[in-house]
Amino acid sequence: MTSTGIRLHAPAPGWAISADVVVVGSGVAGLTAALRCEAAGLSTVVVTKARLDDGSTRWAQGGIAAALGEGDTPEQHLEDTLVAGAGLCDEEAVRILVTEGPDAVRRLIDTGAHFDESDAGELELTREGGHHRRRIAHAGGDATGAEISRALVEAVRARGLRTIENALVLDLLTDAAGRTAGVTLHVMGEGQHDGVGAVHAPAVVLATGGMGQVFSATTNPSVSTGDGVALALRAGAEVSDLEFVQFHPTVLFLGADAEGQQPLVSEAVRGEGAHLVDGDGVRFMAGRHELAELAPRDIVAKGITRRMLEQGAEHMYLDARHFGAEMWEHRFPTILAACRAHGIDPVTEPVPVAPAAHYASGGVRTDARGRTTVPGLYACGEVACTGVHGANRLASNSLLEGLVYAERIAADIAAERADGGLGARVPAPVPVPERPAHPLLAPETRFAVQRTMTEGAGVLRSAESLARAADRLQRLHADARDALEENGKTAEPGVDTWEATNLLCVARVLVAAARLREETRGCHWREDHAERDDTDWRRHIVVRLNPDRSLAVRTTDTADFPPTRQSQRPQEQ
């Protein structure tokens, strides 16, 4: 076996284990894929960066969307999703989501997840932005993700799946034919699995979550550093639509200098009747969209940002004082506790809110079975770009996408094994490259990347701001590259340096795509190109990493979304 492609600088693997499948990530997508693979008789290992329940899933407040209510249909769910996606959804991918979604939720309930029910024993369903029906199932009021994570983690432990926690996956291993052969990873505190090692497997499922930490303020946990997208790029896979980063409109404002993970104020609060107001108490979303505060997230985020600019304000307010204490305590206990912990009581005062980076609608490009452009490498959940979200994810579709496409991946891997196409388990040892192919960045570079992205590629973007961001990112990249090539020096390998390097990688791709897309669409807002352009830009931007670490950027028609055909207009950046 040989290891090909660009790799991070890391020590040689000191240990190795083998399996049929290695699943990287332990959110709803990763654990669902692992449970379904194990149920199909596949030897499965789950690798996760922190603890099993430390990913983004447990932070999800609002719920999971599916056509489960009386009078609702998958077709109506499809229509709402397509509208939110602003012309870039792959309709077949969405149709798969909405038709397979209800049964996937029922299987999740069978796994042990408990959703809130009415006194009559029916699922309690609410609305969120962009939905014309109540179709959001929730748990614990506003603790849906925590309940889903609990149920899946308990199922994984009950079934005895092999898990490796506190493990940062470094790079993909491939065989001589370029097919997936496992991953290298660094583990802290796992006894015999301590340090850098390898999991040999002919199928790898990336379910590593998002990349919100590429910005200064985000709802994402600290582990969301784009590791899966960066790994896939180094392995030669394509990524798509990375410019479409959704900024959640209502994140608790903790001050202009606040950095890192910020408390989310769920869209479900607006779904239950809260209003957005400015400092004078004026509702400013009414009249801007037929759904007012419940418009799709990109529209609400833009509305808040516009009002902030008009008034020179740092934030707006979410007013739900009319809920009363009982509703706050019953329906939104998590949000109530978070607000009070920061000295704000939403029962008696409006909550200060502002947009913050929340969800990556783009990611590693896959087909309808979760297969990437690298044989044997799959992706699902936020790390993937299945075509479901288009230019803007519809609220609460992400948990459903993780469920549906994880199940489809497990079915495909099982079918491949049954047909003899999955290949044999990969033997040790893992060959190590003679020299590192990718320079590492110093840990403090992380903050430089975050500030650059927030200033130049946040909610408001322009040719000028994106050019400044691209120049700064290129300088960081060039400095690290030159130090390696001229002096043979690179930052010391470690979690902090690997994360900083991954963040710079995904930041460069995001900015390159945002510069190329000269229009405003979905959650990509160009001040200098304020209108949507369906003539030239109803297209996807696809990026891969060249062997010299430059970016190959091209566009593809919406009809060519699944990664099966090459398209035109390549550009090197």
Protein backbone atom coordinates (compact mmCIF):
# COMPACT_ATOMS: atom_id res chain seq x y z
CA MET A 1 0.00 0.00 0.00
CA THR A 2 1.20 3.52 -0.72
CA SER A 3 0.05 6.85 0.64
CA THR A 4 -0.45 9.49 -2.04
CA GLY A 5 -1.45 13.14 -2.24
CA ILE A 6 -0.55 16.11 -0.08
CA ARG A 7 -0.10 15.31 3.62
CA LEU A 8 0.35 17.13 6.88
CA HIS A 9 3.71 16.93 8.58
CA ALA A 10 3.30 14.38 11.38
CA PRO A 11 5.31 11.64 13.13
CA ALA A 12 5.20 8.14 11.70
CA PRO A 13 2.24 6.06 12.89
CA GLY A 14 3.23 4.05 15.94
CA TRP A 15 0.21 1.74 15.97
CA ALA A 16 -2.49 0.52 13.62
CA ILE A 17 -5.84 -1.27 13.69
CA SER A 18 -8.04 -2.56 10.87
CA ALA A 19 -11.75 -2.47 10.09
CA ASP A 20 -14.18 -2.60 7.18
CA VAL A 21 -15.24 1.00 7.77
CA VAL A 22 -13.85 3.93 9.72
CA VAL A 23 -16.33 6.71 10.50
CA VAL A 24 -14.75 10.04 11.35
CA GLY A 25 -17.07 12.10 13.55
CA SER A 26 -19.68 11.40 16.20
CA GLY A 27 -22.60 13.70 15.43
CA VAL A 28 -25.95 12.60 14.06
CA ALA A 29 -24.42 11.75 10.67
CA GLY A 30 -21.39 9.86 11.93
CA LEU A 31 -23.10 7.78 14.59
CA THR A 32 -26.04 6.96 12.31
CA ALA A 33 -23.64 5.78 9.61
CA ALA A 34 -21.69 3.73 12.15
CA LEU A 35 -24.79 2.09 13.62
CA ARG A 36 -26.16 1.20 10.18
CA CYS A 37 -22.80 -0.18 9.03
CA GLU A 38 -22.51 -2.30 12.16
CA ALA A 39 -26.06 -3.55 11.70
CA ALA A 40 -25.09 -4.64 8.17
CA GLY A 41 -22.32 -6.81 9.60
CA LEU A 42 -19.44 -4.46 8.79
CA SER A 43 -16.58 -4.12 11.24
CA THR A 44 -16.78 -0.42 12.13
CA VAL A 45 -14.56 1.99 14.06
CA VAL A 46 -15.75 5.47 15.12
CA VAL A 47 -13.07 8.11 15.46
CA THR A 48 -13.98 11.44 17.06
CA LYS A 49 -11.99 14.56 17.83
CA ALA A 50 -13.09 15.00 21.44
CA ARG A 51 -15.69 12.98 23.33
CA LEU A 52 -18.47 11.16 21.51
CA ASP A 53 -21.01 13.87 22.31
CA ASP A 54 -18.79 16.95 21.82
CA GLY A 55 -19.67 17.77 18.21
CA SER A 56 -22.15 20.26 16.77
CA THR A 57 -25.18 17.95 17.00
CA ARG A 58 -25.67 18.39 20.73
CA TRP A 59 -25.76 22.17 20.31
CA ALA A 60 -28.71 22.03 17.90
CA GLN A 61 -31.66 23.70 19.59
CA GLY A 62 -34.51 24.09 17.12
CA GLY A 63 -35.16 20.56 15.94
CA ILE A 64 -35.35 18.26 12.95
CA ALA A 65 -37.57 18.99 9.95
CA ALA A 66 -39.72 16.31 8.30
CA ALA A 67 -43.23 16.07 6.87
CA LEU A 68 -44.69 14.32 9.90
CA GLY A 69 -47.68 16.53 10.65
CA GLU A 70 -51.27 16.30 9.49
CA GLY A 71 -51.73 17.98 6.12
CA ASP A 72 -47.99 18.26 5.47
CA THR A 73 -46.36 16.43 2.56
CA PRO A 74 -42.84 15.77 1.29
CA GLU A 75 -43.72 17.84 -1.77
CA GLN A 76 -44.42 20.89 0.40
CA HIS A 77 -41.17 20.31 2.31
CA LEU A 78 -39.36 20.05 -1.02
CA GLU A 79 -40.81 23.35 -2.22
CA ASP A 80 -39.74 25.21 0.92
CA THR A 81 -36.24 23.73 0.65
CA LEU A 82 -35.87 24.70 -3.01
CA VAL A 83 -37.00 28.27 -2.30
CA ALA A 84 -34.51 28.65 0.54
CA GLY A 85 -31.72 27.19 -1.60
CA ALA A 86 -32.05 30.10 -4.05
CA GLY A 87 -31.84 28.14 -7.28
CA LEU A 88 -28.80 25.97 -6.47
CA CYS A 89 -30.34 22.94 -4.77
CA ASP A 90 -30.06 19.63 -6.58
CA GLU A 91 -33.75 18.74 -6.79
CA GLU A 92 -33.19 15.00 -6.82
CA ALA A 93 -31.05 15.26 -3.66
CA VAL A 94 -33.79 17.28 -1.97
CA ARG A 95 -36.46 14.81 -3.09
CA ILE A 96 -34.45 12.00 -1.49
CA LEU A 97 -34.23 14.03 1.71
CA VAL A 98 -37.91 14.85 2.05
CA THR A 99 -39.28 11.46 0.96
CA GLU A 100 -36.91 9.31 3.02
CA GLY A 101 -36.81 11.78 5.91
CA PRO A 102 -40.01 10.89 7.80
CA ASP A 103 -39.09 7.20 8.08
CA ALA A 104 -35.52 8.11 9.03
CA VAL A 105 -36.89 10.18 11.93
CA ARG A 106 -39.09 7.25 12.98
CA ARG A 107 -36.02 4.99 12.97
CA LEU A 108 -34.23 7.56 15.11
CA ILE A 109 -37.12 7.38 17.57
CA ASP A 110 -36.86 3.57 17.52
CA THR A 111 -33.16 3.99 18.35
CA GLY A 112 -34.19 5.74 21.55
CA ALA A 113 -34.57 9.46 20.84
CA HIS A 114 -37.51 11.04 22.68
CA PHE A 115 -39.19 14.06 21.07
CA ASP A 116 -41.65 16.38 22.77
CA GLU A 117 -45.25 15.22 22.53
CA SER A 118 -48.66 16.72 23.17
CA ASP A 119 -50.98 15.45 25.88
CA ALA A 120 -52.57 13.26 23.21
CA GLY A 121 -49.23 11.58 22.48
CA GLU A 122 -48.68 13.30 19.13
CA LEU A 123 -45.36 14.87 18.15
CA GLU A 124 -45.28 18.56 19.03
CA LEU A 125 -44.25 20.33 15.83
CA THR A 126 -43.17 23.95 15.49
CA ARG A 127 -42.19 26.30 12.65
CA GLU A 128 -38.91 27.92 11.76
CA GLY A 129 -37.77 30.33 9.08
CA GLY A 130 -38.66 29.40 5.51
CA HIS A 131 -41.16 26.70 6.49
CA HIS A 132 -44.81 27.22 5.59
CA ARG A 133 -45.91 24.37 7.87
CA ARG A 134 -45.24 23.22 11.40
CA ARG A 135 -42.84 20.36 10.71
CA ILE A 136 -40.02 20.80 13.24
CA ALA A 137 -39.86 18.02 15.82
CA HIS A 138 -38.01 19.06 18.98
CA ALA A 139 -36.90 17.58 22.29
CA GLY A 140 -36.55 19.07 25.74
CA GLY A 141 -38.05 22.28 24.43
CA ASP A 142 -34.84 23.60 22.88
CA ALA A 143 -32.43 20.71 23.51
CA THR A 144 -33.11 18.57 20.44
CA GLY A 145 -29.49 18.01 19.53
CA ALA A 146 -28.57 16.98 23.04
CA GLU A 147 -31.34 14.36 23.05
CA ILE A 148 -30.41 12.99 19.63
CA SER A 149 -26.76 12.82 20.64
CA ARG A 150 -27.66 11.05 23.91
CA ALA A 151 -29.74 8.43 22.12
CA LEU A 152 -27.13 7.69 19.45
CA VAL A 153 -24.19 7.61 21.88
CA GLU A 154 -26.08 5.20 24.13
CA ALA A 155 -26.89 2.98 21.13
CA VAL A 156 -23.25 2.95 20.02
CA ARG A 157 -22.09 1.97 23.49
CA ALA A 158 -24.84 -0.60 23.94
CA ARG A 159 -23.86 -2.31 20.71
CA GLY A 160 -20.18 -2.31 21.59
CA LEU A 161 -18.86 -0.38 18.58
CA ARG A 162 -15.18 0.36 18.70
CA THR A 163 -14.62 4.06 19.36
CA ILE A 164 -11.49 6.18 19.57
CA GLU A 165 -12.07 9.49 21.33
CA ASN A 166 -9.80 12.55 21.53
CA ALA A 167 -8.50 11.74 18.07
CA LEU A 168 -7.75 14.31 15.37
CA VAL A 169 -7.75 12.66 11.96
CA LEU A 170 -4.82 13.86 9.88
CA ASP A 171 -4.90 12.41 6.37
CA LEU A 172 -6.39 9.81 4.08
CA LEU A 173 -4.42 6.73 3.13
CA THR A 174 -4.78 5.31 -0.36
CA ASP A 175 -3.54 2.21 -2.12
CA ALA A 176 -1.53 2.01 -5.34
CA ALA A 177 -4.70 2.43 -7.41
CA GLY A 178 -5.66 5.61 -5.58
CA ARG A 179 -8.46 3.97 -3.61
CA THR A 180 -9.14 4.74 0.04
CA ALA A 181 -7.20 2.56 2.47
CA GLY A 182 -7.80 4.24 5.82
CA VAL A 183 -6.69 7.29 7.77
CA THR A 184 -3.86 8.51 9.94
CA LEU A 185 -4.79 10.15 13.22
CA HIS A 186 -3.38 11.59 16.42
CA VAL A 187 -4.84 10.40 19.71
CA MET A 188 -4.39 11.89 23.17
CA GLY A 189 -4.80 9.78 26.30
CA GLU A 190 -6.09 6.53 24.78
CA GLY A 191 -3.52 4.16 26.28
CA GLN A 192 -2.39 1.75 23.56
CA HIS A 193 -3.80 4.14 20.95
CA ASP A 194 -1.87 7.18 22.15
CA GLY A 195 0.01 9.37 19.65
CA VAL A 196 -0.05 9.12 15.87
CA GLY A 197 -1.47 5.91 14.45
CA ALA A 198 -3.60 4.57 11.63
CA VAL A 199 -6.92 2.88 11.05
CA HIS A 200 -6.76 0.71 7.94
CA ALA A 201 -10.10 0.41 6.16
CA PRO A 202 -11.25 0.26 2.53
CA ALA A 203 -14.12 2.66 3.29
CA VAL A 204 -13.84 5.98 5.13
CA VAL A 205 -16.88 8.07 6.07
CA LEU A 206 -16.17 11.72 6.78
CA ALA A 207 -18.72 13.15 9.22
CA THR A 208 -16.48 15.76 10.82
CA GLY A 209 -19.00 18.60 10.95
CA GLY A 210 -18.44 22.21 10.01
CA MET A 211 -15.79 24.88 9.85
CA GLY A 212 -17.35 27.74 11.82
CA GLN A 213 -14.10 28.37 13.71
CA VAL A 214 -12.72 29.92 10.53
CA PHE A 215 -14.56 33.07 11.71
CA SER A 216 -14.04 35.00 14.94
CA ALA A 217 -17.62 34.57 16.18
CA THR A 218 -19.56 31.38 15.54
CA THR A 219 -22.18 29.11 17.04
CA ASN A 220 -19.91 26.12 16.32
CA PRO A 221 -17.93 24.36 19.07
CA SER A 222 -14.15 24.70 19.21
CA VAL A 223 -13.66 21.38 17.41
CA SER A 224 -15.25 22.72 14.17
CA THR A 225 -12.05 23.64 12.37
CA GLY A 226 -12.78 22.29 8.88
CA ASP A 227 -10.62 19.19 9.35
CA GLY A 228 -12.72 16.97 7.07
CA VAL A 229 -12.80 19.42 4.18
CA ALA A 230 -9.06 20.03 4.47
CA LEU A 231 -8.31 16.28 4.60
CA ALA A 232 -10.49 15.67 1.55
CA LEU A 233 -8.77 18.46 -0.40
CA ARG A 234 -5.32 17.06 0.40
CA ALA A 235 -6.55 13.63 -0.73
CA GLY A 236 -7.57 15.02 -4.11
CA ALA A 237 -11.34 15.25 -3.55
CA GLU A 238 -13.47 18.09 -4.86
CA VAL A 239 -15.33 20.55 -2.66
CA SER A 240 -18.26 22.67 -3.80
CA ASP A 241 -20.25 25.76 -2.72
CA LEU A 242 -17.92 26.71 0.12
CA GLU A 243 -18.80 30.38 -0.32
CA PHE A 244 -22.27 29.71 1.08
CA VAL A 245 -21.71 30.01 4.81
CA GLN A 246 -24.93 30.60 6.69
CA PHE A 247 -24.78 33.23 9.39
CA HIS A 248 -27.42 32.57 12.01
CA PRO A 249 -29.40 35.79 12.44
CA THR A 250 -29.95 35.58 16.18
CA VAL A 251 -26.86 34.83 18.22
CA LEU A 252 -26.58 36.28 21.71
CA PHE A 253 -24.49 39.43 21.41
CA LEU A 254 -21.69 39.35 24.00
CA GLY A 255 -19.75 42.38 22.81
CA ALA A 256 -17.91 43.48 19.69
CA ASP A 257 -14.69 41.79 20.82
CA ALA A 258 -16.23 38.43 21.72
CA GLU A 259 -14.55 35.50 19.94
CA GLY A 260 -15.11 31.77 19.64
CA GLN A 261 -18.35 29.93 20.25
CA GLN A 262 -21.32 32.22 20.98
CA PRO A 263 -24.70 31.18 22.47
CA LEU A 264 -27.38 30.54 19.86
CA VAL A 265 -30.90 31.91 20.24
CA SER A 266 -32.87 29.36 18.24
CA GLU A 267 -35.02 30.29 15.28
CA ALA A 268 -37.78 28.41 17.06
CA VAL A 269 -38.10 31.40 19.41
CA ARG A 270 -39.21 33.43 16.39
CA GLY A 271 -41.29 30.46 15.27
CA GLU A 272 -43.27 30.77 18.49
CA GLY A 273 -43.88 34.49 17.95
CA ALA A 274 -40.85 36.53 19.08
CA HIS A 275 -40.18 39.75 17.17
CA LEU A 276 -37.00 41.38 15.96
CA VAL A 277 -36.82 45.03 16.96
CA ASP A 278 -34.26 47.81 16.84
CA GLY A 279 -33.14 49.99 19.72
CA ASP A 280 -36.32 52.04 19.43
CA GLY A 281 -38.52 48.95 19.65
CA VAL A 282 -39.51 49.08 15.96
CA ARG A 283 -40.11 45.78 14.11
CA PHE A 284 -37.97 46.12 11.01
CA MET A 285 -38.54 42.76 9.26
CA ALA A 286 -42.26 43.36 8.71
CA GLY A 287 -42.69 44.44 5.10
CA ARG A 288 -39.27 43.13 4.00
CA HIS A 289 -40.57 39.59 3.40
CA GLU A 290 -43.93 37.84 3.50
CA LEU A 291 -42.75 35.76 6.45
CA ALA A 292 -41.19 38.74 8.28
CA GLU A 293 -39.00 37.31 11.12
CA LEU A 294 -39.57 33.81 9.75
CA ALA A 295 -38.05 34.52 6.34
CA PRO A 296 -35.13 32.26 5.32
CA ARG A 297 -32.05 32.86 7.41
CA ASP A 298 -30.04 34.72 4.79
CA ILE A 299 -32.82 37.28 4.43
CA VAL A 300 -33.17 37.77 8.19
CA ALA A 301 -29.38 38.02 8.66
CA LYS A 302 -29.22 40.64 5.90
CA GLY A 303 -32.18 42.50 7.40
CA ILE A 304 -30.49 42.65 10.80
CA THR A 305 -27.16 43.70 9.29
CA ARG A 306 -28.78 46.41 7.17
CA ARG A 307 -30.59 47.85 10.20
CA MET A 308 -27.38 47.79 12.21
CA LEU A 309 -25.61 49.72 9.44
CA GLU A 310 -28.46 52.20 9.10
CA GLN A 311 -28.43 52.98 12.81
CA GLY A 312 -24.74 52.52 13.54
CA ALA A 313 -25.68 49.83 16.06
CA GLU A 314 -23.67 46.77 17.11
CA HIS A 315 -26.74 44.59 17.53
CA MET A 316 -30.52 44.38 17.32
CA TYR A 317 -32.97 42.84 19.80
CA LEU A 318 -35.21 39.79 19.95
CA ASP A 319 -38.31 40.61 21.96
CA ALA A 320 -40.23 37.69 23.49
CA ARG A 321 -41.32 39.27 26.76
CA HIS A 322 -44.91 38.42 25.87
CA PHE A 323 -44.08 34.70 26.23
CA GLY A 324 -44.08 35.00 30.00
CA ALA A 325 -41.93 33.04 32.45
CA GLU A 326 -43.81 29.75 32.14
CA MET A 327 -43.34 29.47 28.37
CA TRP A 328 -39.68 30.44 28.56
CA GLU A 329 -39.05 27.86 31.26
CA HIS A 330 -40.99 25.07 29.50
CA ARG A 331 -40.21 25.66 25.83
CA PHE A 332 -36.77 27.29 25.88
CA PRO A 333 -35.01 26.36 29.13
CA THR A 334 -31.55 26.09 27.53
CA ILE A 335 -31.73 29.54 25.94
CA LEU A 336 -33.21 31.04 29.10
CA ALA A 337 -30.31 29.68 31.16
CA ALA A 338 -27.71 30.91 28.64
CA CYS A 339 -29.17 34.41 28.59
CA ARG A 340 -29.38 34.63 32.38
CA ALA A 341 -25.81 33.37 32.68
CA HIS A 342 -24.80 36.48 30.74
CA GLY A 343 -26.91 38.85 32.77
CA ILE A 344 -29.94 39.04 30.46
CA ASP A 345 -33.46 37.96 31.44
CA PRO A 346 -35.59 37.45 28.31
CA VAL A 347 -38.72 37.22 30.46
CA THR A 348 -38.41 40.92 31.32
CA GLU A 349 -36.14 42.44 28.64
CA PRO A 350 -35.36 42.09 24.92
CA VAL A 351 -32.35 39.92 24.07
CA PRO A 352 -29.43 41.59 22.19
CA VAL A 353 -28.65 39.57 19.05
CA ALA A 354 -26.42 39.76 15.98
CA PRO A 355 -25.54 37.34 13.15
CA ALA A 356 -22.63 34.89 13.58
CA ALA A 357 -21.20 32.09 11.43
CA HIS A 358 -23.38 29.04 11.84
CA TYR A 359 -23.50 26.45 9.05
CA ALA A 360 -21.55 25.59 5.90
CA SER A 361 -24.01 24.79 3.11
CA GLY A 362 -21.12 23.61 0.95
CA GLY A 363 -18.45 21.01 1.58
CA VAL A 364 -16.97 17.83 0.13
CA ARG A 365 -18.83 17.10 -3.10
CA THR A 366 -20.83 13.87 -3.07
CA ASP A 367 -23.38 12.02 -5.14
CA ALA A 368 -26.74 10.71 -3.92
CA ARG A 369 -25.03 7.82 -2.12
CA GLY A 370 -22.54 10.00 -0.30
CA ARG A 371 -19.61 9.01 -2.51
CA THR A 372 -16.92 11.63 -3.10
CA THR A 373 -14.60 11.89 -6.10
CA VAL A 374 -12.05 9.67 -4.30
CA PRO A 375 -13.02 5.97 -4.50
CA GLY A 376 -13.92 4.58 -1.09
CA LEU A 377 -14.20 8.01 0.55
CA TYR A 378 -17.69 9.06 1.65
CA ALA A 379 -18.98 12.23 3.32
CA CYS A 380 -22.21 13.12 5.13
CA GLY A 381 -23.52 15.79 7.44
CA GLU A 382 -22.17 19.34 7.45
CA VAL A 383 -18.80 18.35 5.98
CA ALA A 384 -20.57 17.18 2.80
CA CYS A 385 -22.15 19.00 -0.11
CA THR A 386 -24.93 16.69 -1.23
CA GLY A 387 -26.78 19.38 -3.18
CA VAL A 388 -29.60 19.53 -0.62
CA HIS A 389 -28.91 23.02 0.74
CA GLY A 390 -28.01 24.96 -2.38
CA ALA A 391 -27.11 28.56 -1.56
CA ASN A 392 -28.80 28.55 1.84
CA ARG A 393 -29.80 25.73 4.18
CA LEU A 394 -33.45 25.63 5.19
CA ALA A 395 -33.76 25.69 8.98
CA SER A 396 -33.58 22.25 10.69
CA ASN A 397 -32.84 20.39 7.46
CA SER A 398 -29.29 19.63 8.63
CA LEU A 399 -30.10 16.99 11.23
CA LEU A 400 -32.41 15.33 8.70
CA GLU A 401 -29.74 15.39 6.00
CA GLY A 402 -27.30 13.77 8.41
CA LEU A 403 -29.77 10.97 9.10
CA VAL A 404 -30.88 10.31 5.52
CA TYR A 405 -27.51 10.41 3.79
CA ALA A 406 -25.73 8.50 6.55
CA GLU A 407 -28.21 5.66 6.02
CA ARG A 408 -27.65 5.81 2.25
CA ILE A 409 -23.88 5.64 2.74
CA ALA A 410 -24.15 2.59 4.98
CA ALA A 411 -26.38 0.88 2.41
CA ASP A 412 -23.89 1.63 -0.37
CA ILE A 413 -20.90 0.34 1.61
CA ALA A 414 -22.80 -2.84 2.49
CA ALA A 415 -23.76 -3.33 -1.17
CA GLU A 416 -20.15 -2.77 -2.24
CA ARG A 417 -18.96 -5.39 0.23
CA ALA A 418 -21.64 -7.85 -0.92
CA ASP A 419 -20.57 -7.34 -4.55
CA GLY A 420 -16.90 -7.77 -3.69
CA GLY A 421 -16.09 -4.20 -4.64
CA LEU A 422 -15.12 -2.85 -1.22
CA GLY A 423 -11.77 -4.54 -1.22
CA ALA A 424 -9.85 -6.35 1.48
CA ARG A 425 -8.72 -4.88 4.73
CA VAL A 426 -5.50 -2.92 4.43
CA PRO A 427 -2.34 -4.49 5.87
CA ALA A 428 0.17 -2.64 8.06
CA PRO A 429 2.61 -0.99 8.13
CA VAL A 430 1.69 2.46 6.90
CA PRO A 431 4.40 3.96 4.70
CA VAL A 432 5.49 7.45 5.70
CA PRO A 433 6.43 10.13 3.15
CA GLU A 434 10.13 11.05 3.07
CA ARG A 435 9.36 14.73 3.77
CA PRO A 436 6.26 16.68 4.70
CA ALA A 437 4.36 17.90 1.68
CA HIS A 438 2.34 20.51 3.54
CA PRO A 439 3.87 23.17 5.83
CA LEU A 440 2.35 23.65 9.26
CA LEU A 441 1.30 27.01 10.64
CA ALA A 442 2.08 28.35 14.09
CA PRO A 443 -0.90 28.09 16.49
CA GLU A 444 -1.32 31.88 16.71
CA THR A 445 -2.00 31.96 12.96
CA ARG A 446 -5.49 30.66 13.79
CA PHE A 447 -6.49 34.06 15.17
CA ALA A 448 -5.06 35.88 12.16
CA VAL A 449 -7.13 33.66 9.86
CA GLN A 450 -10.30 34.23 11.92
CA ARG A 451 -9.92 38.01 12.00
CA THR A 452 -9.17 38.10 8.28
CA MET A 453 -12.25 36.05 7.45
CA THR A 454 -14.58 38.04 9.71
CA GLU A 455 -13.41 41.35 8.26
CA GLY A 456 -13.29 40.32 4.62
CA ALA A 457 -15.61 37.35 4.05
CA GLY A 458 -18.34 37.65 6.67
CA VAL A 459 -21.97 38.62 6.19
CA LEU A 460 -20.97 41.61 4.02
CA ARG A 461 -18.56 40.93 1.17
CA SER A 462 -17.17 42.94 -1.73
CA ALA A 463 -14.44 42.64 -4.31
CA GLU A 464 -12.28 44.92 -2.19
CA SER A 465 -12.81 43.12 1.11
CA LEU A 466 -12.33 39.70 -0.46
CA ALA A 467 -9.15 40.82 -2.25
CA ARG A 468 -7.70 42.01 1.07
CA ALA A 469 -8.63 38.71 2.69
CA ALA A 470 -7.10 36.71 -0.16
CA ASP A 471 -3.85 38.69 0.07
CA ARG A 472 -3.54 38.17 3.82
CA LEU A 473 -4.30 34.46 3.58
CA GLN A 474 -1.84 34.04 0.72
CA ARG A 475 0.87 35.74 2.77
CA LEU A 476 0.27 33.36 5.67
CA HIS A 477 0.38 30.42 3.26
CA ALA A 478 3.50 31.69 1.46
CA ASP A 479 5.39 32.41 4.68
CA ALA A 480 4.87 28.86 5.91
CA ARG A 481 5.68 27.39 2.49
CA ASP A 482 8.85 29.45 2.08
CA ALA A 483 10.09 28.56 5.57
CA LEU A 484 9.72 24.88 4.72
CA GLU A 485 11.20 25.03 1.22
CA GLU A 486 14.10 27.36 2.03
CA ASN A 487 15.02 26.26 5.52
CA GLY A 488 13.34 22.90 5.90
CA LYS A 489 11.49 24.36 8.89
CA THR A 490 7.84 24.09 9.81
CA ALA A 491 5.86 24.62 12.98
CA GLU A 492 6.07 21.79 15.49
CA PRO A 493 3.44 19.09 14.77
CA GLY A 494 0.57 19.15 17.22
CA VAL A 495 -3.19 19.66 17.46
CA ASP A 496 -2.92 23.46 17.49
CA THR A 497 -0.70 23.60 14.41
CA TRP A 498 -2.72 21.02 12.50
CA GLU A 499 -5.95 22.90 13.25
CA ALA A 500 -4.46 26.25 12.19
CA THR A 501 -3.23 24.67 8.96
CA ASN A 502 -6.67 23.18 8.23
CA LEU A 503 -8.38 26.51 8.92
CA LEU A 504 -6.10 28.33 6.50
CA CYS A 505 -6.75 25.68 3.86
CA VAL A 506 -10.55 26.01 4.00
CA ALA A 507 -10.35 29.81 4.32
CA ARG A 508 -8.39 30.07 1.07
CA VAL A 509 -10.98 27.96 -0.75
CA LEU A 510 -13.91 29.91 0.67
CA VAL A 511 -12.43 33.27 -0.32
CA ALA A 512 -11.49 32.05 -3.81
CA ALA A 513 -15.07 30.91 -4.42
CA ALA A 514 -16.56 34.09 -2.94
CA ARG A 515 -14.37 36.26 -5.17
CA LEU A 516 -15.40 34.33 -8.25
CA ARG A 517 -19.15 34.46 -7.56
CA GLU A 518 -20.01 38.01 -8.63
CA GLU A 519 -23.62 38.08 -7.49
CA THR A 520 -25.70 37.99 -4.33
CA ARG A 521 -27.40 34.64 -3.80
CA GLY A 522 -28.60 32.91 -0.65
CA CYS A 523 -26.15 33.47 2.17
CA HIS A 524 -23.48 34.88 -0.16
CA TRP A 525 -23.97 38.66 -0.13
CA ARG A 526 -21.79 40.78 -2.41
CA GLU A 527 -22.28 44.51 -1.82
CA ASP A 528 -20.77 45.27 -5.23
CA HIS A 529 -23.04 42.75 -6.99
CA ALA A 530 -26.27 43.17 -5.08
CA GLU A 531 -28.57 41.20 -7.40
CA ARG A 532 -28.99 37.50 -8.07
CA ASP A 533 -27.75 36.57 -11.54
CA ASP A 534 -29.41 33.44 -12.95
CA THR A 535 -27.93 34.06 -16.40
CA ASP A 536 -24.27 33.60 -15.48
CA TRP A 537 -24.25 32.32 -11.92
CA ARG A 538 -26.82 29.60 -11.54
CA ARG A 539 -23.76 27.40 -11.30
CA HIS A 540 -21.70 25.65 -8.66
CA ILE A 541 -18.09 26.55 -7.91
CA VAL A 542 -15.93 23.45 -7.51
CA VAL A 543 -12.42 23.54 -6.04
CA ARG A 544 -9.64 21.01 -5.70
CA LEU A 545 -6.08 21.28 -4.43
CA ASN A 546 -3.24 20.98 -6.93
CA PRO A 547 -0.06 19.02 -6.05
CA ASP A 548 1.78 22.35 -5.62
CA ARG A 549 -0.93 23.43 -3.11
CA SER A 550 -2.45 26.02 -5.45
CA LEU A 551 -6.21 25.95 -5.99
CA ALA A 552 -7.89 24.72 -9.16
CA VAL A 553 -11.26 26.47 -9.39
CA ARG A 554 -13.97 25.69 -11.92
CA THR A 555 -17.71 26.05 -12.34
CA THR A 556 -20.31 23.48 -13.23
CA ASP A 557 -23.95 23.70 -14.27
CA THR A 558 -26.62 22.79 -11.72
CA ALA A 559 -27.58 19.85 -13.95
CA ASP A 560 -24.05 18.49 -13.48
CA PHE A 561 -24.07 18.66 -9.70
CA PRO A 562 -23.32 15.04 -8.78
CA PRO A 563 -19.56 14.55 -9.17
CA THR A 564 -19.68 12.38 -12.26
CA ARG A 565 -18.63 14.73 -15.05
CA GLN A 566 -15.96 17.36 -15.53
CA SER A 567 -16.94 20.85 -16.60
CA GLN A 568 -15.53 24.01 -18.05
CA ARG A 569 -13.80 27.27 -17.23
CA PRO A 570 -10.88 26.17 -15.00
CA GLN A 571 -9.08 28.94 -13.15
CA GLU A 572 -5.89 28.66 -11.16
CA GLN A 573 -5.68 30.72 -7.95
